[in-house]
Amino acid sequence: MQLMSVEKILGDWKKKSYKPIYWLEGEEDYYIDQLVNYAESNILTESEASFNLTIFYGRDAAWADIVNACRKYPMFSDRQVVILKEAQQLKEMEKLEAYFNQPLGSTVFIVAYKEKKLDSRTKFAKLVKDRSEFLSTKKIYDSALPEWVNTYVSRLGYTISPKATMLLVDHIGNDLARIENEIQKILINLKNRTAITEEDIERFVGISKDFNIFELQTAVATKDLAKAIRVIRYFGDNPKAAPIQLVLPSLYAFFSKVFMIFGASGSEDAIAKQVGVNSFFFKSYSQASRMYGYEGVEKVLLLLHQYNLKSIGVNATRVADEALLKEMVVKMMM
């Protein structure tokens, strides 16, 4: 088995270097889709693809049809491409074993096994890893999202401000495909500029640069009650901007990392790495740890848990989300 990277596979394909079988699995659809889309559109020319590109979907496919397609020889081309999408839904997957043992050299067989991984203890999984170019993906950690965004934007020849980055990742989370789509939408509208600002995020993504989860987090971290109330009031007037089901987990994730600071040691950069926070934004976490102290952060985490239960009606009568958030932040800062 050779554990491949997306860059290595794409690099090989661009050099017209292909292996008989590629197994793409894991929780991060973005990278799997990136490879499958490239293979579908670029390995064969348009005229070659009309005879030599076959696409199956796991739910509707039969293993025997897939094997038969893989064993065909290409027409008017040196190779054919067979793609199995949503492979995790294929019944009797292990029946592909015979083909994995004796693949056809003129076939490029690409298996997209999404959202999970094969059970590594099974005979079939061991065969797959031994006989294919194997890619295993996992969801990117939230702490790594800002760097991912910066790297992606930089590769396209643009820059993005730190606050714009945080607005984007706080609003979208670790949905890489959606982040990519939003960035592409912004770039189309930049015209002659090469720098993405928070104003661009506000205008083209629809996130207020002044009233968002990131700003609420900052207000709570610094015990700025007036600002926190203003942001919460905005959320009340614009329910889709930041529903409570997004606000509470975001604040909990923030203060969970603040709590970890008390058990960390070393320089600021070292602590940021231990906690899993981008060093550029560590100041906010550090400030919250000093502002609240150990017991204060414990209290905040407990309140977040209690108000999460209240938000879904546990041990509480139904109260408007705005009122719940206001009551919660007041208690946090007392």
C-alpha atoms as a PDB file:
ATOM      1  CA  MET A   1       0.000   0.000   0.000  1.00  0.00           C
ATOM      2  CA  GLN A   2       1.097   3.537  -0.735  1.00  0.00           C
ATOM      3  CA  LEU A   3      -0.891   6.230   1.048  1.00  0.00           C
ATOM      4  CA  MET A   4      -1.272   8.941  -1.574  1.00  0.00           C
ATOM      5  CA  SER A   5      -1.933  12.660  -1.296  1.00  0.00           C
ATOM      6  CA  VAL A   6      -4.346  14.646  -3.446  1.00  0.00           C
ATOM      7  CA  GLU A   7      -1.446  16.699  -4.816  1.00  0.00           C
ATOM      8  CA  LYS A   8       0.541  13.578  -5.760  1.00  0.00           C
ATOM      9  CA  ILE A   9      -2.374  11.959  -7.569  1.00  0.00           C
ATOM     10  CA  LEU A  10      -3.270  15.147  -9.451  1.00  0.00           C
ATOM     11  CA  GLY A  11       0.395  15.707 -10.277  1.00  0.00           C
ATOM     12  CA  ASP A  12       0.671  12.213 -11.747  1.00  0.00           C
ATOM     13  CA  TRP A  13      -2.511  12.614 -13.758  1.00  0.00           C
ATOM     14  CA  LYS A  14      -1.369  15.927 -15.204  1.00  0.00           C
ATOM     15  CA  LYS A  15       1.795  14.122 -16.341  1.00  0.00           C
ATOM     16  CA  LYS A  16      -0.399  11.444 -17.977  1.00  0.00           C
ATOM     17  CA  SER A  17       0.826   8.863 -15.463  1.00  0.00           C
ATOM     18  CA  TYR A  18      -1.963   6.527 -14.355  1.00  0.00           C
ATOM     19  CA  LYS A  19      -2.302   3.443 -12.178  1.00  0.00           C
ATOM     20  CA  PRO A  20      -5.006   0.773 -12.678  1.00  0.00           C
ATOM     21  CA  ILE A  21      -6.953   1.414  -9.438  1.00  0.00           C
ATOM     22  CA  TYR A  22      -7.484   4.433  -7.185  1.00  0.00           C
ATOM     23  CA  TRP A  23      -9.366   3.991  -3.916  1.00  0.00           C
ATOM     24  CA  LEU A  24     -10.546   7.332  -2.441  1.00  0.00           C
ATOM     25  CA  GLU A  25     -12.187   7.095   0.966  1.00  0.00           C
ATOM     26  CA  GLY A  26     -12.897   9.049   4.141  1.00  0.00           C
ATOM     27  CA  GLU A  27     -14.939  11.776   5.771  1.00  0.00           C
ATOM     28  CA  GLU A  28     -13.804  14.746   3.668  1.00  0.00           C
ATOM     29  CA  ASP A  29     -15.821  14.748   0.449  1.00  0.00           C
ATOM     30  CA  TYR A  30     -14.067  17.855  -0.857  1.00  0.00           C
ATOM     31  CA  TYR A  31     -10.819  16.097  -1.784  1.00  0.00           C
ATOM     32  CA  ILE A  32     -12.571  13.028  -3.158  1.00  0.00           C
ATOM     33  CA  ASP A  33     -14.803  15.213  -5.353  1.00  0.00           C
ATOM     34  CA  GLN A  34     -11.773  17.210  -6.488  1.00  0.00           C
ATOM     35  CA  LEU A  35     -10.108  14.064  -7.839  1.00  0.00           C
ATOM     36  CA  VAL A  36     -13.261  12.505  -9.285  1.00  0.00           C
ATOM     37  CA  ASN A  37     -14.220  15.729 -11.088  1.00  0.00           C
ATOM     38  CA  TYR A  38     -10.733  16.040 -12.549  1.00  0.00           C
ATOM     39  CA  ALA A  39     -10.718  12.414 -13.697  1.00  0.00           C
ATOM     40  CA  GLU A  40     -14.143  12.741 -15.259  1.00  0.00           C
ATOM     41  CA  SER A  41     -13.213  15.838 -17.249  1.00  0.00           C
ATOM     42  CA  ASN A  42      -9.490  15.613 -17.942  1.00  0.00           C
ATOM     43  CA  ILE A  43      -8.047  12.098 -18.206  1.00  0.00           C
ATOM     44  CA  LEU A  44      -9.758  11.517 -21.546  1.00  0.00           C
ATOM     45  CA  THR A  45     -10.384  13.969 -24.357  1.00  0.00           C
ATOM     46  CA  GLU A  46     -13.997  14.774 -25.164  1.00  0.00           C
ATOM     47  CA  SER A  47     -14.022  12.424 -28.148  1.00  0.00           C
ATOM     48  CA  GLU A  48     -12.308   9.624 -26.183  1.00  0.00           C
ATOM     49  CA  ALA A  49     -14.739  10.020 -23.271  1.00  0.00           C
ATOM     50  CA  SER A  50     -17.763   9.336 -25.468  1.00  0.00           C
ATOM     51  CA  PHE A  51     -16.519   5.741 -25.921  1.00  0.00           C
ATOM     52  CA  ASN A  52     -14.330   5.174 -22.891  1.00  0.00           C
ATOM     53  CA  LEU A  53     -15.806   6.887 -19.823  1.00  0.00           C
ATOM     54  CA  THR A  54     -18.189   4.823 -17.690  1.00  0.00           C
ATOM     55  CA  ILE A  55     -19.725   6.114 -14.469  1.00  0.00           C
ATOM     56  CA  PHE A  56     -21.533   3.980 -11.909  1.00  0.00           C
ATOM     57  CA  TYR A  57     -23.385   4.959  -8.729  1.00  0.00           C
ATOM     58  CA  GLY A  58     -23.138   2.559  -5.811  1.00  0.00           C
ATOM     59  CA  ARG A  59     -26.845   2.504  -4.997  1.00  0.00           C
ATOM     60  CA  ASP A  60     -27.902   1.528  -8.511  1.00  0.00           C
ATOM     61  CA  ALA A  61     -24.915  -0.527  -9.688  1.00  0.00           C
ATOM     62  CA  ALA A  62     -24.304  -4.265  -9.659  1.00  0.00           C
ATOM     63  CA  TRP A  63     -20.798  -5.456  -8.888  1.00  0.00           C
ATOM     64  CA  ALA A  64     -20.746  -7.720 -11.948  1.00  0.00           C
ATOM     65  CA  ASP A  65     -21.526  -4.803 -14.300  1.00  0.00           C
ATOM     66  CA  ILE A  66     -18.672  -2.819 -12.773  1.00  0.00           C
ATOM     67  CA  VAL A  67     -16.196  -5.675 -13.227  1.00  0.00           C
ATOM     68  CA  ASN A  68     -17.331  -6.250 -16.820  1.00  0.00           C
ATOM     69  CA  ALA A  69     -16.898  -2.572 -17.605  1.00  0.00           C
ATOM     70  CA  CYS A  70     -13.404  -2.565 -16.106  1.00  0.00           C
ATOM     71  CA  ARG A  71     -12.405  -5.615 -18.145  1.00  0.00           C
ATOM     72  CA  LYS A  72     -13.360  -4.067 -21.492  1.00  0.00           C
ATOM     73  CA  TYR A  73     -10.640  -2.740 -23.744  1.00  0.00           C
ATOM     74  CA  PRO A  74     -10.687   0.932 -24.765  1.00  0.00           C
ATOM     75  CA  MET A  75     -11.942   2.076 -28.176  1.00  0.00           C
ATOM     76  CA  PHE A  76      -9.904   4.592 -30.199  1.00  0.00           C
ATOM     77  CA  SER A  77      -7.826   5.386 -27.115  1.00  0.00           C
ATOM     78  CA  ASP A  78      -4.963   4.003 -25.042  1.00  0.00           C
ATOM     79  CA  ARG A  79      -7.117   3.798 -21.944  1.00  0.00           C
ATOM     80  CA  GLN A  80     -10.624   3.879 -20.539  1.00  0.00           C
ATOM     81  CA  VAL A  81     -11.855   5.382 -17.260  1.00  0.00           C
ATOM     82  CA  VAL A  82     -14.385   3.702 -14.970  1.00  0.00           C
ATOM     83  CA  ILE A  83     -15.623   5.718 -11.990  1.00  0.00           C
ATOM     84  CA  LEU A  84     -17.655   4.283  -9.135  1.00  0.00           C
ATOM     85  CA  LYS A  85     -19.312   7.143  -7.249  1.00  0.00           C
ATOM     86  CA  GLU A  86     -20.955   6.740  -3.822  1.00  0.00           C
ATOM     87  CA  ALA A  87     -19.228   3.377  -3.563  1.00  0.00           C
ATOM     88  CA  GLN A  88     -20.166   3.034   0.103  1.00  0.00           C
ATOM     89  CA  GLN A  89     -23.704   2.195  -1.092  1.00  0.00           C
ATOM     90  CA  LEU A  90     -22.628  -0.685  -3.333  1.00  0.00           C
ATOM     91  CA  LYS A  91     -23.927  -4.093  -2.288  1.00  0.00           C
ATOM     92  CA  GLU A  92     -21.509  -7.032  -2.211  1.00  0.00           C
ATOM     93  CA  MET A  93     -18.481  -4.775  -2.493  1.00  0.00           C
ATOM     94  CA  GLU A  94     -16.181  -7.675  -1.675  1.00  0.00           C
ATOM     95  CA  LYS A  95     -17.136  -9.301  -5.008  1.00  0.00           C
ATOM     96  CA  LEU A  96     -14.761  -6.797  -6.640  1.00  0.00           C
ATOM     97  CA  GLU A  97     -11.909  -8.773  -5.077  1.00  0.00           C
ATOM     98  CA  ALA A  98     -11.160 -10.754  -8.243  1.00  0.00           C
ATOM     99  CA  TYR A  99     -10.702  -7.596 -10.291  1.00  0.00           C
ATOM    100  CA  PHE A 100      -8.455  -6.002  -7.652  1.00  0.00           C
ATOM    101  CA  ASN A 101      -6.246  -9.086  -7.869  1.00  0.00           C
ATOM    102  CA  GLN A 102      -6.011  -8.867 -11.683  1.00  0.00           C
ATOM    103  CA  PRO A 103      -6.801  -5.351 -12.946  1.00  0.00           C
ATOM    104  CA  LEU A 104      -6.589  -4.430 -16.608  1.00  0.00           C
ATOM    105  CA  GLY A 105      -3.656  -2.132 -17.364  1.00  0.00           C
ATOM    106  CA  SER A 106      -5.604  -0.056 -19.902  1.00  0.00           C
ATOM    107  CA  THR A 107      -8.380   0.731 -17.396  1.00  0.00           C
ATOM    108  CA  VAL A 108      -8.212   3.533 -14.827  1.00  0.00           C
ATOM    109  CA  PHE A 109     -10.694   2.442 -12.155  1.00  0.00           C
ATOM    110  CA  ILE A 110     -11.539   5.128  -9.575  1.00  0.00           C
ATOM    111  CA  VAL A 111     -13.584   4.281  -6.486  1.00  0.00           C
ATOM    112  CA  ALA A 112     -15.099   7.128  -4.433  1.00  0.00           C
ATOM    113  CA  TYR A 113     -16.003   5.645  -1.034  1.00  0.00           C
ATOM    114  CA  LYS A 114     -17.374   8.658   0.849  1.00  0.00           C
ATOM    115  CA  GLU A 115     -18.201   9.612   4.432  1.00  0.00           C
ATOM    116  CA  LYS A 116     -16.500   6.621   6.033  1.00  0.00           C
ATOM    117  CA  LYS A 117     -13.643   4.155   5.712  1.00  0.00           C
ATOM    118  CA  LEU A 118     -13.371   0.462   5.076  1.00  0.00           C
ATOM    119  CA  ASP A 119     -13.037  -1.735   8.136  1.00  0.00           C
ATOM    120  CA  SER A 120      -9.265  -2.237   8.090  1.00  0.00           C
ATOM    121  CA  ARG A 121      -9.625  -5.634   9.795  1.00  0.00           C
ATOM    122  CA  THR A 122     -11.353  -7.233   6.814  1.00  0.00           C
ATOM    123  CA  LYS A 123      -9.635  -9.226   4.099  1.00  0.00           C
ATOM    124  CA  PHE A 124     -11.105  -6.972   1.411  1.00  0.00           C
ATOM    125  CA  ALA A 125      -9.793  -3.798   3.059  1.00  0.00           C
ATOM    126  CA  LYS A 126      -6.297  -5.254   3.223  1.00  0.00           C
ATOM    127  CA  LEU A 127      -6.527  -6.210  -0.461  1.00  0.00           C
ATOM    128  CA  VAL A 128      -7.692  -2.706  -1.424  1.00  0.00           C
ATOM    129  CA  LYS A 129      -4.799  -1.074   0.412  1.00  0.00           C
ATOM    130  CA  ASP A 130      -2.327  -3.497  -1.141  1.00  0.00           C
ATOM    131  CA  ARG A 131      -3.571  -3.311  -4.736  1.00  0.00           C
ATOM    132  CA  SER A 132      -4.654   0.310  -5.205  1.00  0.00           C
ATOM    133  CA  GLU A 133      -3.364   3.829  -5.025  1.00  0.00           C
ATOM    134  CA  PHE A 134      -4.998   4.572  -1.706  1.00  0.00           C
ATOM    135  CA  LEU A 135      -6.213   7.968  -0.425  1.00  0.00           C
ATOM    136  CA  SER A 136      -7.767   8.339   3.026  1.00  0.00           C
ATOM    137  CA  THR A 137      -9.278  11.700   3.963  1.00  0.00           C
ATOM    138  CA  LYS A 138     -10.504  13.159   7.228  1.00  0.00           C
ATOM    139  CA  LYS A 139     -12.372  16.304   8.180  1.00  0.00           C
ATOM    140  CA  ILE A 140     -10.147  19.304   8.700  1.00  0.00           C
ATOM    141  CA  TYR A 141      -9.908  20.591  12.283  1.00  0.00           C
ATOM    142  CA  ASP A 142     -11.613  23.937  12.887  1.00  0.00           C
ATOM    143  CA  SER A 143      -8.303  25.365  14.119  1.00  0.00           C
ATOM    144  CA  ALA A 144      -6.735  24.610  10.726  1.00  0.00           C
ATOM    145  CA  LEU A 145      -9.473  26.294   8.671  1.00  0.00           C
ATOM    146  CA  PRO A 146      -7.949  29.818   8.645  1.00  0.00           C
ATOM    147  CA  GLU A 147      -4.654  28.457   7.304  1.00  0.00           C
ATOM    148  CA  TRP A 148      -6.527  26.392   4.700  1.00  0.00           C
ATOM    149  CA  VAL A 149      -8.417  29.489   3.524  1.00  0.00           C
ATOM    150  CA  ASN A 150      -5.251  31.596   3.404  1.00  0.00           C
ATOM    151  CA  THR A 151      -3.401  28.921   1.434  1.00  0.00           C
ATOM    152  CA  TYR A 152      -6.276  28.438  -1.005  1.00  0.00           C
ATOM    153  CA  VAL A 153      -6.635  32.175  -1.619  1.00  0.00           C
ATOM    154  CA  SER A 154      -2.865  32.609  -1.962  1.00  0.00           C
ATOM    155  CA  ARG A 155      -2.634  29.876  -4.600  1.00  0.00           C
ATOM    156  CA  LEU A 156      -5.113  31.846  -6.687  1.00  0.00           C
ATOM    157  CA  GLY A 157      -2.930  34.948  -6.437  1.00  0.00           C
ATOM    158  CA  TYR A 158      -5.019  36.848  -3.877  1.00  0.00           C
ATOM    159  CA  THR A 159      -4.836  37.780  -0.189  1.00  0.00           C
ATOM    160  CA  ILE A 160      -7.490  37.830   2.515  1.00  0.00           C
ATOM    161  CA  SER A 161      -7.529  39.816   5.758  1.00  0.00           C
ATOM    162  CA  PRO A 162      -7.497  37.885   9.068  1.00  0.00           C
ATOM    163  CA  LYS A 163     -10.913  39.189  10.084  1.00  0.00           C
ATOM    164  CA  ALA A 164     -12.381  38.294   6.692  1.00  0.00           C
ATOM    165  CA  THR A 165     -10.989  34.788   7.120  1.00  0.00           C
ATOM    166  CA  MET A 166     -12.580  34.386  10.538  1.00  0.00           C
ATOM    167  CA  LEU A 167     -15.927  35.736   9.352  1.00  0.00           C
ATOM    168  CA  LEU A 168     -15.920  33.171   6.576  1.00  0.00           C
ATOM    169  CA  VAL A 169     -14.915  30.120   8.618  1.00  0.00           C
ATOM    170  CA  ASP A 170     -17.095  31.027  11.616  1.00  0.00           C
ATOM    171  CA  HIS A 171     -20.102  31.379   9.336  1.00  0.00           C
ATOM    172  CA  ILE A 172     -19.538  28.274   7.209  1.00  0.00           C
ATOM    173  CA  GLY A 173     -17.541  25.890   9.392  1.00  0.00           C
ATOM    174  CA  ASN A 174     -15.475  23.091   7.865  1.00  0.00           C
ATOM    175  CA  ASP A 175     -17.507  22.658   4.681  1.00  0.00           C
ATOM    176  CA  LEU A 176     -14.564  23.110   2.298  1.00  0.00           C
ATOM    177  CA  ALA A 177     -16.638  22.904  -0.861  1.00  0.00           C
ATOM    178  CA  ARG A 178     -18.915  25.704   0.341  1.00  0.00           C
ATOM    179  CA  ILE A 179     -15.946  27.835   1.441  1.00  0.00           C
ATOM    180  CA  GLU A 180     -14.412  27.373  -2.012  1.00  0.00           C
ATOM    181  CA  ASN A 181     -17.684  28.365  -3.715  1.00  0.00           C
ATOM    182  CA  GLU A 182     -18.022  31.509  -1.598  1.00  0.00           C
ATOM    183  CA  ILE A 183     -14.409  32.523  -2.278  1.00  0.00           C
ATOM    184  CA  GLN A 184     -14.891  32.010  -6.008  1.00  0.00           C
ATOM    185  CA  LYS A 185     -18.031  34.162  -5.864  1.00  0.00           C
ATOM    186  CA  ILE A 186     -16.076  36.916  -4.103  1.00  0.00           C
ATOM    187  CA  LEU A 187     -13.184  36.784  -6.586  1.00  0.00           C
ATOM    188  CA  ILE A 188     -15.537  37.210  -9.527  1.00  0.00           C
ATOM    189  CA  ASN A 189     -16.711  40.483  -7.970  1.00  0.00           C
ATOM    190  CA  LEU A 190     -13.310  41.885  -6.969  1.00  0.00           C
ATOM    191  CA  LYS A 191     -12.614  43.198 -10.475  1.00  0.00           C
ATOM    192  CA  ASN A 192      -9.102  44.697 -10.383  1.00  0.00           C
ATOM    193  CA  ARG A 193      -8.442  44.183  -6.652  1.00  0.00           C
ATOM    194  CA  THR A 194      -6.410  41.286  -5.263  1.00  0.00           C
ATOM    195  CA  ALA A 195      -7.228  41.605  -1.533  1.00  0.00           C
ATOM    196  CA  ILE A 196     -10.383  40.184   0.067  1.00  0.00           C
ATOM    197  CA  THR A 197     -11.642  42.314   2.958  1.00  0.00           C
ATOM    198  CA  GLU A 198     -14.337  41.906   5.616  1.00  0.00           C
ATOM    199  CA  GLU A 199     -16.451  44.329   3.567  1.00  0.00           C
ATOM    200  CA  ASP A 200     -16.300  41.844   0.676  1.00  0.00           C
ATOM    201  CA  ILE A 201     -17.457  39.058   2.990  1.00  0.00           C
ATOM    202  CA  GLU A 202     -20.340  41.237   4.144  1.00  0.00           C
ATOM    203  CA  ARG A 203     -21.363  42.248   0.636  1.00  0.00           C
ATOM    204  CA  PHE A 204     -20.925  39.022  -1.331  1.00  0.00           C
ATOM    205  CA  VAL A 205     -21.431  36.293   1.285  1.00  0.00           C
ATOM    206  CA  GLY A 206     -24.095  38.094   3.291  1.00  0.00           C
ATOM    207  CA  ILE A 207     -22.388  38.123   6.704  1.00  0.00           C
ATOM    208  CA  SER A 208     -22.471  41.374   8.678  1.00  0.00           C
ATOM    209  CA  LYS A 209     -18.910  42.383   9.565  1.00  0.00           C
ATOM    210  CA  ASP A 210     -20.154  44.034  12.762  1.00  0.00           C
ATOM    211  CA  PHE A 211     -22.896  41.630  13.885  1.00  0.00           C
ATOM    212  CA  ASN A 212     -21.817  38.008  13.684  1.00  0.00           C
ATOM    213  CA  ILE A 213     -20.796  35.096  15.913  1.00  0.00           C
ATOM    214  CA  PHE A 214     -17.148  36.181  15.837  1.00  0.00           C
ATOM    215  CA  GLU A 215     -18.068  39.658  17.153  1.00  0.00           C
ATOM    216  CA  LEU A 216     -20.313  38.153  19.849  1.00  0.00           C
ATOM    217  CA  GLN A 217     -17.486  35.850  20.875  1.00  0.00           C
ATOM    218  CA  THR A 218     -15.123  38.818  21.146  1.00  0.00           C
ATOM    219  CA  ALA A 219     -17.652  40.812  23.180  1.00  0.00           C
ATOM    220  CA  VAL A 220     -18.206  37.941  25.616  1.00  0.00           C
ATOM    221  CA  ALA A 221     -14.459  37.259  25.863  1.00  0.00           C
ATOM    222  CA  THR A 222     -13.814  40.886  26.878  1.00  0.00           C
ATOM    223  CA  LYS A 223     -16.961  41.182  29.027  1.00  0.00           C
ATOM    224  CA  ASP A 224     -18.304  43.949  26.810  1.00  0.00           C
ATOM    225  CA  LEU A 225     -21.956  43.477  27.752  1.00  0.00           C
ATOM    226  CA  ALA A 226     -23.277  46.430  25.763  1.00  0.00           C
ATOM    227  CA  LYS A 227     -21.704  45.139  22.544  1.00  0.00           C
ATOM    228  CA  ALA A 228     -22.865  41.588  23.230  1.00  0.00           C
ATOM    229  CA  ILE A 229     -26.447  42.783  23.664  1.00  0.00           C
ATOM    230  CA  ARG A 230     -26.282  44.785  20.418  1.00  0.00           C
ATOM    231  CA  VAL A 231     -25.079  41.729  18.503  1.00  0.00           C
ATOM    232  CA  ILE A 232     -27.739  39.496  20.083  1.00  0.00           C
ATOM    233  CA  ARG A 233     -30.427  42.062  19.251  1.00  0.00           C
ATOM    234  CA  TYR A 234     -29.255  41.952  15.627  1.00  0.00           C
ATOM    235  CA  PHE A 235     -29.540  38.141  15.698  1.00  0.00           C
ATOM    236  CA  GLY A 236     -33.083  38.522  17.031  1.00  0.00           C
ATOM    237  CA  ASP A 237     -33.997  40.825  14.154  1.00  0.00           C
ATOM    238  CA  ASN A 238     -32.218  38.598  11.611  1.00  0.00           C
ATOM    239  CA  PRO A 239     -32.841  34.974  12.721  1.00  0.00           C
ATOM    240  CA  LYS A 240     -31.040  33.458   9.731  1.00  0.00           C
ATOM    241  CA  ALA A 241     -27.839  35.410  10.445  1.00  0.00           C
ATOM    242  CA  ALA A 242     -26.874  33.285  13.452  1.00  0.00           C
ATOM    243  CA  PRO A 243     -29.453  30.860  14.849  1.00  0.00           C
ATOM    244  CA  ILE A 244     -28.945  29.856  18.469  1.00  0.00           C
ATOM    245  CA  GLN A 245     -28.056  26.316  17.326  1.00  0.00           C
ATOM    246  CA  LEU A 246     -24.901  27.808  15.777  1.00  0.00           C
ATOM    247  CA  VAL A 247     -24.173  30.446  18.423  1.00  0.00           C
ATOM    248  CA  LEU A 248     -24.053  28.130  21.445  1.00  0.00           C
ATOM    249  CA  PRO A 249     -21.711  25.476  19.947  1.00  0.00           C
ATOM    250  CA  SER A 250     -19.415  28.238  18.663  1.00  0.00           C
ATOM    251  CA  LEU A 251     -19.159  29.861  22.098  1.00  0.00           C
ATOM    252  CA  TYR A 252     -18.691  26.445  23.720  1.00  0.00           C
ATOM    253  CA  ALA A 253     -15.840  25.598  21.344  1.00  0.00           C
ATOM    254  CA  PHE A 254     -14.201  28.963  22.079  1.00  0.00           C
ATOM    255  CA  PHE A 255     -14.385  28.655  25.878  1.00  0.00           C
ATOM    256  CA  SER A 256     -13.362  24.988  25.774  1.00  0.00           C
ATOM    257  CA  LYS A 257     -10.089  26.121  24.218  1.00  0.00           C
ATOM    258  CA  VAL A 258      -9.829  28.980  26.734  1.00  0.00           C
ATOM    259  CA  PHE A 259     -10.175  26.368  29.496  1.00  0.00           C
ATOM    260  CA  MET A 260      -7.314  24.348  27.993  1.00  0.00           C
ATOM    261  CA  ILE A 261      -4.973  27.334  28.399  1.00  0.00           C
ATOM    262  CA  PHE A 262      -4.907  26.784  32.163  1.00  0.00           C
ATOM    263  CA  GLY A 263      -3.229  23.413  31.665  1.00  0.00           C
ATOM    264  CA  ALA A 264      -0.810  24.532  28.935  1.00  0.00           C
ATOM    265  CA  SER A 265       2.682  25.952  29.271  1.00  0.00           C
ATOM    266  CA  GLY A 266       5.396  27.619  27.217  1.00  0.00           C
ATOM    267  CA  SER A 267       5.437  30.596  24.870  1.00  0.00           C
ATOM    268  CA  GLU A 268       2.253  32.028  23.374  1.00  0.00           C
ATOM    269  CA  ASP A 269       2.913  30.179  20.110  1.00  0.00           C
ATOM    270  CA  ALA A 270       3.519  26.927  21.994  1.00  0.00           C
ATOM    271  CA  ILE A 271       0.317  27.311  24.023  1.00  0.00           C
ATOM    272  CA  ALA A 272      -1.667  28.201  20.903  1.00  0.00           C
ATOM    273  CA  LYS A 273      -0.435  24.999  19.275  1.00  0.00           C
ATOM    274  CA  GLN A 274      -1.287  22.909  22.361  1.00  0.00           C
ATOM    275  CA  VAL A 275      -4.775  24.393  22.505  1.00  0.00           C
ATOM    276  CA  GLY A 276      -5.339  24.066  18.761  1.00  0.00           C
ATOM    277  CA  VAL A 277      -5.775  27.775  18.000  1.00  0.00           C
ATOM    278  CA  ASN A 278      -4.332  29.789  15.136  1.00  0.00           C
ATOM    279  CA  SER A 279      -1.572  31.924  16.710  1.00  0.00           C
ATOM    280  CA  PHE A 280      -2.910  35.080  15.030  1.00  0.00           C
ATOM    281  CA  PHE A 281      -6.166  34.794  17.019  1.00  0.00           C
ATOM    282  CA  PHE A 282      -4.671  33.469  20.247  1.00  0.00           C
ATOM    283  CA  LYS A 283      -4.796  36.926  21.848  1.00  0.00           C
ATOM    284  CA  SER A 284      -8.573  36.717  22.157  1.00  0.00           C
ATOM    285  CA  TYR A 285      -8.398  33.336  23.913  1.00  0.00           C
ATOM    286  CA  SER A 286      -5.621  34.480  26.224  1.00  0.00           C
ATOM    287  CA  GLN A 287      -7.522  37.649  27.083  1.00  0.00           C
ATOM    288  CA  ALA A 288     -10.637  35.638  27.971  1.00  0.00           C
ATOM    289  CA  SER A 289      -8.603  33.353  30.259  1.00  0.00           C
ATOM    290  CA  ARG A 290      -7.326  36.380  32.189  1.00  0.00           C
ATOM    291  CA  MET A 291     -10.705  38.119  32.207  1.00  0.00           C
ATOM    292  CA  TYR A 292     -12.661  35.145  33.582  1.00  0.00           C
ATOM    293  CA  GLY A 293     -10.086  33.056  35.425  1.00  0.00           C
ATOM    294  CA  TYR A 294     -10.278  29.297  35.919  1.00  0.00           C
ATOM    295  CA  GLU A 295     -13.526  29.268  37.916  1.00  0.00           C
ATOM    296  CA  GLY A 296     -15.117  31.865  35.659  1.00  0.00           C
ATOM    297  CA  VAL A 297     -14.479  29.785  32.540  1.00  0.00           C
ATOM    298  CA  GLU A 298     -15.895  26.711  34.321  1.00  0.00           C
ATOM    299  CA  LYS A 299     -19.007  28.737  35.096  1.00  0.00           C
ATOM    300  CA  VAL A 300     -19.301  29.880  31.467  1.00  0.00           C
ATOM    301  CA  LEU A 301     -19.068  26.311  30.156  1.00  0.00           C
ATOM    302  CA  LEU A 302     -21.734  25.184  32.621  1.00  0.00           C
ATOM    303  CA  LEU A 303     -24.034  28.021  31.576  1.00  0.00           C
ATOM    304  CA  LEU A 304     -23.557  27.167  27.911  1.00  0.00           C
ATOM    305  CA  HIS A 305     -24.570  23.593  28.643  1.00  0.00           C
ATOM    306  CA  GLN A 306     -27.629  24.709  30.625  1.00  0.00           C
ATOM    307  CA  TYR A 307     -28.785  27.168  27.970  1.00  0.00           C
ATOM    308  CA  ASN A 308     -28.258  24.644  25.218  1.00  0.00           C
ATOM    309  CA  LEU A 309     -30.777  22.425  27.025  1.00  0.00           C
ATOM    310  CA  LYS A 310     -33.135  25.365  27.506  1.00  0.00           C
ATOM    311  CA  SER A 311     -32.903  26.220  23.796  1.00  0.00           C
ATOM    312  CA  ILE A 312     -34.405  22.812  22.946  1.00  0.00           C
ATOM    313  CA  GLY A 313     -37.053  23.052  25.664  1.00  0.00           C
ATOM    314  CA  VAL A 314     -35.495  20.824  28.348  1.00  0.00           C
ATOM    315  CA  ASN A 315     -36.584  21.922  31.853  1.00  0.00           C
ATOM    316  CA  ALA A 316     -37.755  25.252  30.458  1.00  0.00           C
ATOM    317  CA  THR A 317     -40.780  26.890  28.915  1.00  0.00           C
ATOM    318  CA  ARG A 318     -40.318  28.089  25.378  1.00  0.00           C
ATOM    319  CA  VAL A 319     -38.550  31.472  25.353  1.00  0.00           C
ATOM    320  CA  ALA A 320     -37.365  33.473  22.356  1.00  0.00           C
ATOM    321  CA  ASP A 321     -33.748  32.743  21.401  1.00  0.00           C
ATOM    322  CA  GLU A 322     -32.832  36.424  21.756  1.00  0.00           C
ATOM    323  CA  ALA A 323     -34.076  36.509  25.350  1.00  0.00           C
ATOM    324  CA  LEU A 324     -32.215  33.293  26.202  1.00  0.00           C
ATOM    325  CA  LEU A 325     -28.937  34.618  24.820  1.00  0.00           C
ATOM    326  CA  LYS A 326     -29.281  37.949  26.633  1.00  0.00           C
ATOM    327  CA  GLU A 327     -30.025  36.223  29.942  1.00  0.00           C
ATOM    328  CA  MET A 328     -27.074  33.876  29.421  1.00  0.00           C
ATOM    329  CA  VAL A 329     -24.430  36.506  28.655  1.00  0.00           C
ATOM    330  CA  VAL A 330     -25.541  38.631  31.608  1.00  0.00           C
ATOM    331  CA  LYS A 331     -25.036  35.629  33.933  1.00  0.00           C
ATOM    332  CA  MET A 332     -21.654  34.896  32.317  1.00  0.00           C
ATOM    333  CA  MET A 333     -20.347  38.364  33.023  1.00  0.00           C
ATOM    334  CA  MET A 334     -21.739  38.714  36.570  1.00  0.00           C
END
